[in-house]
Amino acid sequence: METELEFKTLLAEFLIENGISQSEFARKIGVKHGLVNDWLRGKAKPGFDSLRAMVKAFNVPAEYFLCLKDDYC
């Protein structure tokens, strides 16, 4: 079994693939830029409300940010 991606890696790839800055991402989901920076450095992970906001703001399945399907991980 392959090692699952860490959230920080998944988020970094999402930002790059979609051409979104940390600041824009933070603004769209309603969190502070510093929090997104902490996620990208692996110092913290998003909670339910932040994950829900990501799904709604970027119209992606929850499985994507939760790395629940091989298609996303």
PDB file of N, CA and C in Angstrom:
ATOM      1  N   MET A   1       0.843  -1.188   0.000  1.00  0.00           N
ATOM      2  CA  MET A   1       0.000   0.000   0.000  1.00  0.00           C
ATOM      3  C   MET A   1       0.886   1.249   0.000  1.00  0.00           C
ATOM      4  N   GLU A   2       0.537   2.207  -0.847  1.00  0.00           N
ATOM      5  CA  GLU A   2       1.310   3.440  -0.925  1.00  0.00           C
ATOM      6  C   GLU A   2       1.049   4.306   0.297  1.00  0.00           C
ATOM      7  N   THR A   3       2.023   5.121   0.634  1.00  0.00           N
ATOM      8  CA  THR A   3       1.865   6.055   1.737  1.00  0.00           C
ATOM      9  C   THR A   3       0.922   7.175   1.302  1.00  0.00           C
ATOM     10  N   GLU A   4      -0.038   7.495   2.141  1.00  0.00           N
ATOM     11  CA  GLU A   4      -0.964   8.569   1.822  1.00  0.00           C
ATOM     12  C   GLU A   4      -0.254   9.910   1.924  1.00  0.00           C
ATOM     13  N   LEU A   5      -0.687  10.821   1.092  1.00  0.00           N
ATOM     14  CA  LEU A   5      -0.138  12.168   1.134  1.00  0.00           C
ATOM     15  C   LEU A   5      -0.499  12.830   2.457  1.00  0.00           C
ATOM     16  N   GLU A   6       0.414  13.620   2.971  1.00  0.00           N
ATOM     17  CA  GLU A   6       0.099  14.454   4.125  1.00  0.00           C
ATOM     18  C   GLU A   6      -0.731  15.626   3.626  1.00  0.00           C
ATOM     19  N   PHE A   7      -1.541  16.185   4.515  1.00  0.00           N
ATOM     20  CA  PHE A   7      -2.390  17.300   4.109  1.00  0.00           C
ATOM     21  C   PHE A   7      -1.554  18.449   3.553  1.00  0.00           C
ATOM     22  N   LYS A   8      -0.411  18.739   4.156  1.00  0.00           N
ATOM     23  CA  LYS A   8       0.409  19.861   3.693  1.00  0.00           C
ATOM     24  C   LYS A   8       0.832  19.669   2.235  1.00  0.00           C
ATOM     25  N   THR A   9       1.144  18.447   1.845  1.00  0.00           N
ATOM     26  CA  THR A   9       1.543  18.165   0.469  1.00  0.00           C
ATOM     27  C   THR A   9       0.355  18.274  -0.462  1.00  0.00           C
ATOM     28  N   LEU A  10      -0.761  17.723  -0.046  1.00  0.00           N
ATOM     29  CA  LEU A  10      -1.975  17.783  -0.851  1.00  0.00           C
ATOM     30  C   LEU A  10      -2.391  19.230  -1.084  1.00  0.00           C
ATOM     31  N   LEU A  11      -2.355  20.048  -0.050  1.00  0.00           N
ATOM     32  CA  LEU A  11      -2.739  21.450  -0.173  1.00  0.00           C
ATOM     33  C   LEU A  11      -1.768  22.208  -1.077  1.00  0.00           C
ATOM     34  N   ALA A  12      -0.487  21.981  -0.898  1.00  0.00           N
ATOM     35  CA  ALA A  12       0.510  22.656  -1.731  1.00  0.00           C
ATOM     36  C   ALA A  12       0.286  22.321  -3.206  1.00  0.00           C
ATOM     37  N   GLU A  13       0.035  21.053  -3.503  1.00  0.00           N
ATOM     38  CA  GLU A  13      -0.214  20.642  -4.884  1.00  0.00           C
ATOM     39  C   GLU A  13      -1.492  21.266  -5.416  1.00  0.00           C
ATOM     40  N   PHE A  14      -2.528  21.341  -4.580  1.00  0.00           N
ATOM     41  CA  PHE A  14      -3.787  21.958  -4.997  1.00  0.00           C
ATOM     42  C   PHE A  14      -3.573  23.422  -5.367  1.00  0.00           C
ATOM     43  N   LEU A  15      -2.829  24.148  -4.537  1.00  0.00           N
ATOM     44  CA  LEU A  15      -2.582  25.567  -4.806  1.00  0.00           C
ATOM     45  C   LEU A  15      -1.819  25.752  -6.112  1.00  0.00           C
ATOM     46  N   ILE A  16      -0.797  24.949  -6.323  1.00  0.00           N
ATOM     47  CA  ILE A  16       0.012  25.053  -7.542  1.00  0.00           C
ATOM     48  C   ILE A  16      -0.814  24.697  -8.774  1.00  0.00           C
ATOM     49  N   GLU A  17      -1.506  23.569  -8.714  1.00  0.00           N
ATOM     50  CA  GLU A  17      -2.290  23.105  -9.860  1.00  0.00           C
ATOM     51  C   GLU A  17      -3.392  24.069 -10.249  1.00  0.00           C
ATOM     52  N   ASN A  18      -3.893  24.818  -9.276  1.00  0.00           N
ATOM     53  CA  ASN A  18      -4.993  25.745  -9.541  1.00  0.00           C
ATOM     54  C   ASN A  18      -4.555  27.202  -9.615  1.00  0.00           C
ATOM     55  N   GLY A  19      -3.258  27.446  -9.484  1.00  0.00           N
ATOM     56  CA  GLY A  19      -2.737  28.805  -9.573  1.00  0.00           C
ATOM     57  C   GLY A  19      -3.308  29.741  -8.521  1.00  0.00           C
ATOM     58  N   ILE A  20      -3.455  29.232  -7.311  1.00  0.00           N
ATOM     59  CA  ILE A  20      -4.052  30.007  -6.221  1.00  0.00           C
ATOM     60  C   ILE A  20      -2.975  30.322  -5.185  1.00  0.00           C
ATOM     61  N   SER A  21      -2.912  31.572  -4.780  1.00  0.00           N
ATOM     62  CA  SER A  21      -1.959  31.950  -3.732  1.00  0.00           C
ATOM     63  C   SER A  21      -2.517  31.550  -2.367  1.00  0.00           C
ATOM     64  N   GLN A  22      -1.634  31.489  -1.388  1.00  0.00           N
ATOM     65  CA  GLN A  22      -2.062  31.204  -0.020  1.00  0.00           C
ATOM     66  C   GLN A  22      -3.072  32.236   0.457  1.00  0.00           C
ATOM     67  N   SER A  23      -2.819  33.489   0.133  1.00  0.00           N
ATOM     68  CA  SER A  23      -3.711  34.569   0.572  1.00  0.00           C
ATOM     69  C   SER A  23      -5.089  34.445  -0.055  1.00  0.00           C
ATOM     70  N   GLU A  24      -5.125  34.127  -1.347  1.00  0.00           N
ATOM     71  CA  GLU A  24      -6.410  33.973  -2.030  1.00  0.00           C
ATOM     72  C   GLU A  24      -7.174  32.778  -1.466  1.00  0.00           C
ATOM     73  N   PHE A  25      -6.463  31.688  -1.237  1.00  0.00           N
ATOM     74  CA  PHE A  25      -7.084  30.495  -0.663  1.00  0.00           C
ATOM     75  C   PHE A  25      -7.684  30.828   0.699  1.00  0.00           C
ATOM     76  N   ALA A  26      -6.895  31.497   1.536  1.00  0.00           N
ATOM     77  CA  ALA A  26      -7.358  31.868   2.880  1.00  0.00           C
ATOM     78  C   ALA A  26      -8.598  32.750   2.805  1.00  0.00           C
ATOM     79  N   ARG A  27      -8.569  33.734   1.916  1.00  0.00           N
ATOM     80  CA  ARG A  27      -9.707  34.647   1.774  1.00  0.00           C
ATOM     81  C   ARG A  27     -10.958  33.891   1.347  1.00  0.00           C
ATOM     82  N   LYS A  28     -10.815  32.980   0.395  1.00  0.00           N
ATOM     83  CA  LYS A  28     -11.977  32.252  -0.125  1.00  0.00           C
ATOM     84  C   LYS A  28     -12.613  31.323   0.904  1.00  0.00           C
ATOM     85  N   ILE A  29     -11.819  30.829   1.841  1.00  0.00           N
ATOM     86  CA  ILE A  29     -12.407  29.926   2.839  1.00  0.00           C
ATOM     87  C   ILE A  29     -12.631  30.611   4.186  1.00  0.00           C
ATOM     88  N   GLY A  30     -12.267  31.873   4.271  1.00  0.00           N
ATOM     89  CA  GLY A  30     -12.567  32.648   5.474  1.00  0.00           C
ATOM     90  C   GLY A  30     -11.659  32.399   6.660  1.00  0.00           C
ATOM     91  N   VAL A  31     -10.372  32.147   6.376  1.00  0.00           N
ATOM     92  CA  VAL A  31      -9.405  31.993   7.463  1.00  0.00           C
ATOM     93  C   VAL A  31      -8.251  32.973   7.244  1.00  0.00           C
ATOM     94  N   LYS A  32      -7.410  33.118   8.241  1.00  0.00           N
ATOM     95  CA  LYS A  32      -6.254  34.003   8.121  1.00  0.00           C
ATOM     96  C   LYS A  32      -5.145  33.324   7.328  1.00  0.00           C
ATOM     97  N   HIS A  33      -4.396  34.144   6.611  1.00  0.00           N
ATOM     98  CA  HIS A  33      -3.285  33.642   5.799  1.00  0.00           C
ATOM     99  C   HIS A  33      -2.308  32.825   6.639  1.00  0.00           C
ATOM    100  N   GLY A  34      -2.050  33.265   7.856  1.00  0.00           N
ATOM    101  CA  GLY A  34      -1.116  32.559   8.732  1.00  0.00           C
ATOM    102  C   GLY A  34      -1.541  31.133   9.027  1.00  0.00           C
ATOM    103  N   LEU A  35      -2.852  30.900   9.077  1.00  0.00           N
ATOM    104  CA  LEU A  35      -3.354  29.549   9.325  1.00  0.00           C
ATOM    105  C   LEU A  35      -3.050  28.649   8.127  1.00  0.00           C
ATOM    106  N   VAL A  36      -3.258  29.156   6.929  1.00  0.00           N
ATOM    107  CA  VAL A  36      -2.931  28.385   5.721  1.00  0.00           C
ATOM    108  C   VAL A  36      -1.430  28.098   5.701  1.00  0.00           C
ATOM    109  N   ASN A  37      -0.646  29.069   6.077  1.00  0.00           N
ATOM    110  CA  ASN A  37       0.806  28.878   6.145  1.00  0.00           C
ATOM    111  C   ASN A  37       1.155  27.760   7.134  1.00  0.00           C
ATOM    112  N   ASP A  38       0.487  27.746   8.275  1.00  0.00           N
ATOM    113  CA  ASP A  38       0.715  26.680   9.258  1.00  0.00           C
ATOM    114  C   ASP A  38       0.352  25.316   8.683  1.00  0.00           C
ATOM    115  N   TRP A  39      -0.736  25.242   7.929  1.00  0.00           N
ATOM    116  CA  TRP A  39      -1.123  23.980   7.293  1.00  0.00           C
ATOM    117  C   TRP A  39      -0.049  23.528   6.311  1.00  0.00           C
ATOM    118  N   LEU A  40       0.456  24.470   5.534  1.00  0.00           N
ATOM    119  CA  LEU A  40       1.464  24.134   4.521  1.00  0.00           C
ATOM    120  C   LEU A  40       2.797  23.719   5.143  1.00  0.00           C
ATOM    121  N   ARG A  41       3.083  24.202   6.338  1.00  0.00           N
ATOM    122  CA  ARG A  41       4.319  23.818   7.030  1.00  0.00           C
ATOM    123  C   ARG A  41       4.131  22.582   7.906  1.00  0.00           C
ATOM    124  N   GLY A  42       2.897  22.078   7.968  1.00  0.00           N
ATOM    125  CA  GLY A  42       2.626  20.891   8.774  1.00  0.00           C
ATOM    126  C   GLY A  42       2.519  21.175  10.258  1.00  0.00           C
ATOM    127  N   LYS A  43       2.390  22.452  10.627  1.00  0.00           N
ATOM    128  CA  LYS A  43       2.294  22.813  12.044  1.00  0.00           C
ATOM    129  C   LYS A  43       0.878  22.639  12.580  1.00  0.00           C
ATOM    130  N   ALA A  44      -0.098  22.577  11.678  1.00  0.00           N
ATOM    131  CA  ALA A  44      -1.497  22.414  12.066  1.00  0.00           C
ATOM    132  C   ALA A  44      -2.228  21.751  10.908  1.00  0.00           C
ATOM    133  N   LYS A  45      -3.420  21.272  11.210  1.00  0.00           N
ATOM    134  CA  LYS A  45      -4.292  20.695  10.190  1.00  0.00           C
ATOM    135  C   LYS A  45      -5.658  21.339  10.317  1.00  0.00           C
ATOM    136  N   PRO A  46      -6.379  21.455   9.220  1.00  0.00           N
ATOM    137  CA  PRO A  46      -7.680  22.112   9.280  1.00  0.00           C
ATOM    138  C   PRO A  46      -8.713  21.277  10.030  1.00  0.00           C
ATOM    139  N   GLY A  47      -9.625  21.974  10.667  1.00  0.00           N
ATOM    140  CA  GLY A  47     -10.744  21.325  11.344  1.00  0.00           C
ATOM    141  C   GLY A  47     -11.926  21.191  10.401  1.00  0.00           C
ATOM    142  N   PHE A  48     -13.007  20.694  10.930  1.00  0.00           N
ATOM    143  CA  PHE A  48     -14.211  20.441  10.149  1.00  0.00           C
ATOM    144  C   PHE A  48     -14.697  21.677   9.402  1.00  0.00           C
ATOM    145  N   ASP A  49     -14.818  22.807  10.099  1.00  0.00           N
ATOM    146  CA  ASP A  49     -15.362  24.014   9.466  1.00  0.00           C
ATOM    147  C   ASP A  49     -14.490  24.476   8.302  1.00  0.00           C
ATOM    148  N   SER A  50     -13.182  24.395   8.459  1.00  0.00           N
ATOM    149  CA  SER A  50     -12.276  24.803   7.384  1.00  0.00           C
ATOM    150  C   SER A  50     -12.359  23.843   6.210  1.00  0.00           C
ATOM    151  N   LEU A  51     -12.416  22.549   6.480  1.00  0.00           N
ATOM    152  CA  LEU A  51     -12.545  21.572   5.402  1.00  0.00           C
ATOM    153  C   LEU A  51     -13.857  21.773   4.648  1.00  0.00           C
ATOM    154  N   ARG A  52     -14.907  22.019   5.385  1.00  0.00           N
ATOM    155  CA  ARG A  52     -16.213  22.265   4.751  1.00  0.00           C
ATOM    156  C   ARG A  52     -16.141  23.502   3.866  1.00  0.00           C
ATOM    157  N   ALA A  53     -15.483  24.545   4.339  1.00  0.00           N
ATOM    158  CA  ALA A  53     -15.344  25.774   3.553  1.00  0.00           C
ATOM    159  C   ALA A  53     -14.531  25.522   2.284  1.00  0.00           C
ATOM    160  N   MET A  54     -13.501  24.683   2.356  1.00  0.00           N
ATOM    161  CA  MET A  54     -12.692  24.355   1.175  1.00  0.00           C
ATOM    162  C   MET A  54     -13.541  23.655   0.120  1.00  0.00           C
ATOM    163  N   VAL A  55     -14.320  22.691   0.565  1.00  0.00           N
ATOM    164  CA  VAL A  55     -15.173  21.931  -0.346  1.00  0.00           C
ATOM    165  C   VAL A  55     -16.156  22.858  -1.058  1.00  0.00           C
ATOM    166  N   LYS A  56     -16.771  23.758  -0.296  1.00  0.00           N
ATOM    167  CA  LYS A  56     -17.758  24.673  -0.867  1.00  0.00           C
ATOM    168  C   LYS A  56     -17.113  25.724  -1.766  1.00  0.00           C
ATOM    169  N   ALA A  57     -16.004  26.287  -1.333  1.00  0.00           N
ATOM    170  CA  ALA A  57     -15.372  27.379  -2.076  1.00  0.00           C
ATOM    171  C   ALA A  57     -14.781  26.922  -3.404  1.00  0.00           C
ATOM    172  N   PHE A  58     -14.268  25.703  -3.438  1.00  0.00           N
ATOM    173  CA  PHE A  58     -13.561  25.243  -4.632  1.00  0.00           C
ATOM    174  C   PHE A  58     -14.288  24.122  -5.363  1.00  0.00           C
ATOM    175  N   ASN A  59     -15.482  23.797  -4.903  1.00  0.00           N
ATOM    176  CA  ASN A  59     -16.329  22.810  -5.566  1.00  0.00           C
ATOM    177  C   ASN A  59     -15.577  21.501  -5.840  1.00  0.00           C
ATOM    178  N   VAL A  60     -14.931  21.005  -4.800  1.00  0.00           N
ATOM    179  CA  VAL A  60     -14.237  19.722  -4.893  1.00  0.00           C
ATOM    180  C   VAL A  60     -14.857  18.769  -3.873  1.00  0.00           C
ATOM    181  N   PRO A  61     -14.819  17.475  -4.152  1.00  0.00           N
ATOM    182  CA  PRO A  61     -15.378  16.522  -3.182  1.00  0.00           C
ATOM    183  C   PRO A  61     -14.590  16.532  -1.876  1.00  0.00           C
ATOM    184  N   ALA A  62     -15.259  16.279  -0.790  1.00  0.00           N
ATOM    185  CA  ALA A  62     -14.589  16.211   0.515  1.00  0.00           C
ATOM    186  C   ALA A  62     -13.480  15.168   0.503  1.00  0.00           C
ATOM    187  N   GLU A  63     -13.683  14.112  -0.255  1.00  0.00           N
ATOM    188  CA  GLU A  63     -12.683  13.048  -0.337  1.00  0.00           C
ATOM    189  C   GLU A  63     -11.333  13.573  -0.806  1.00  0.00           C
ATOM    190  N   TYR A  64     -11.353  14.628  -1.606  1.00  0.00           N
ATOM    191  CA  TYR A  64     -10.100  15.196  -2.115  1.00  0.00           C
ATOM    192  C   TYR A  64      -9.232  15.691  -0.960  1.00  0.00           C
ATOM    193  N   PHE A  65      -9.773  16.599  -0.160  1.00  0.00           N
ATOM    194  CA  PHE A  65      -8.990  17.183   0.924  1.00  0.00           C
ATOM    195  C   PHE A  65      -8.752  16.206   2.072  1.00  0.00           C
ATOM    196  N   LEU A  66      -9.563  15.161   2.148  1.00  0.00           N
ATOM    197  CA  LEU A  66      -9.389  14.148   3.190  1.00  0.00           C
ATOM    198  C   LEU A  66      -8.540  12.977   2.700  1.00  0.00           C
ATOM    199  N   CYS A  67      -8.206  12.988   1.419  1.00  0.00           N
ATOM    200  CA  CYS A  67      -7.358  11.938   0.820  1.00  0.00           C
ATOM    201  C   CYS A  67      -7.983  10.556   1.048  1.00  0.00           C
ATOM    202  N   LEU A  68      -9.272  10.444   0.738  1.00  0.00           N
ATOM    203  CA  LEU A  68      -9.979   9.194   0.996  1.00  0.00           C
ATOM    204  C   LEU A  68     -10.057   8.264  -0.203  1.00  0.00           C
ATOM    205  N   LYS A  69      -9.759   8.770  -1.387  1.00  0.00           N
ATOM    206  CA  LYS A  69      -9.810   7.937  -2.590  1.00  0.00           C
ATOM    207  C   LYS A  69      -8.460   7.956  -3.269  1.00  0.00           C
ATOM    208  N   ASP A  70      -8.089   6.836  -3.840  1.00  0.00           N
ATOM    209  CA  ASP A  70      -6.808   6.742  -4.537  1.00  0.00           C
ATOM    210  C   ASP A  70      -6.699   7.770  -5.661  1.00  0.00           C
ATOM    211  N   ASP A  71      -7.823   8.143  -6.260  1.00  0.00           N
ATOM    212  CA  ASP A  71      -7.814   9.137  -7.332  1.00  0.00           C
ATOM    213  C   ASP A  71      -7.246  10.468  -6.880  1.00  0.00           C
ATOM    214  N   TYR A  72      -7.352  10.757  -5.600  1.00  0.00           N
ATOM    215  CA  TYR A  72      -6.932  12.047  -5.070  1.00  0.00           C
ATOM    216  C   TYR A  72      -5.607  11.991  -4.323  1.00  0.00           C
ATOM    217  N   CYS A  73      -5.159  10.814  -3.954  1.00  0.00           N
ATOM    218  CA  CYS A  73      -3.976  10.716  -3.088  1.00  0.00           C
ATOM    219  C   CYS A  73      -2.769  10.203  -3.815  1.00  0.00           C
TER     220      CYS A  73
END
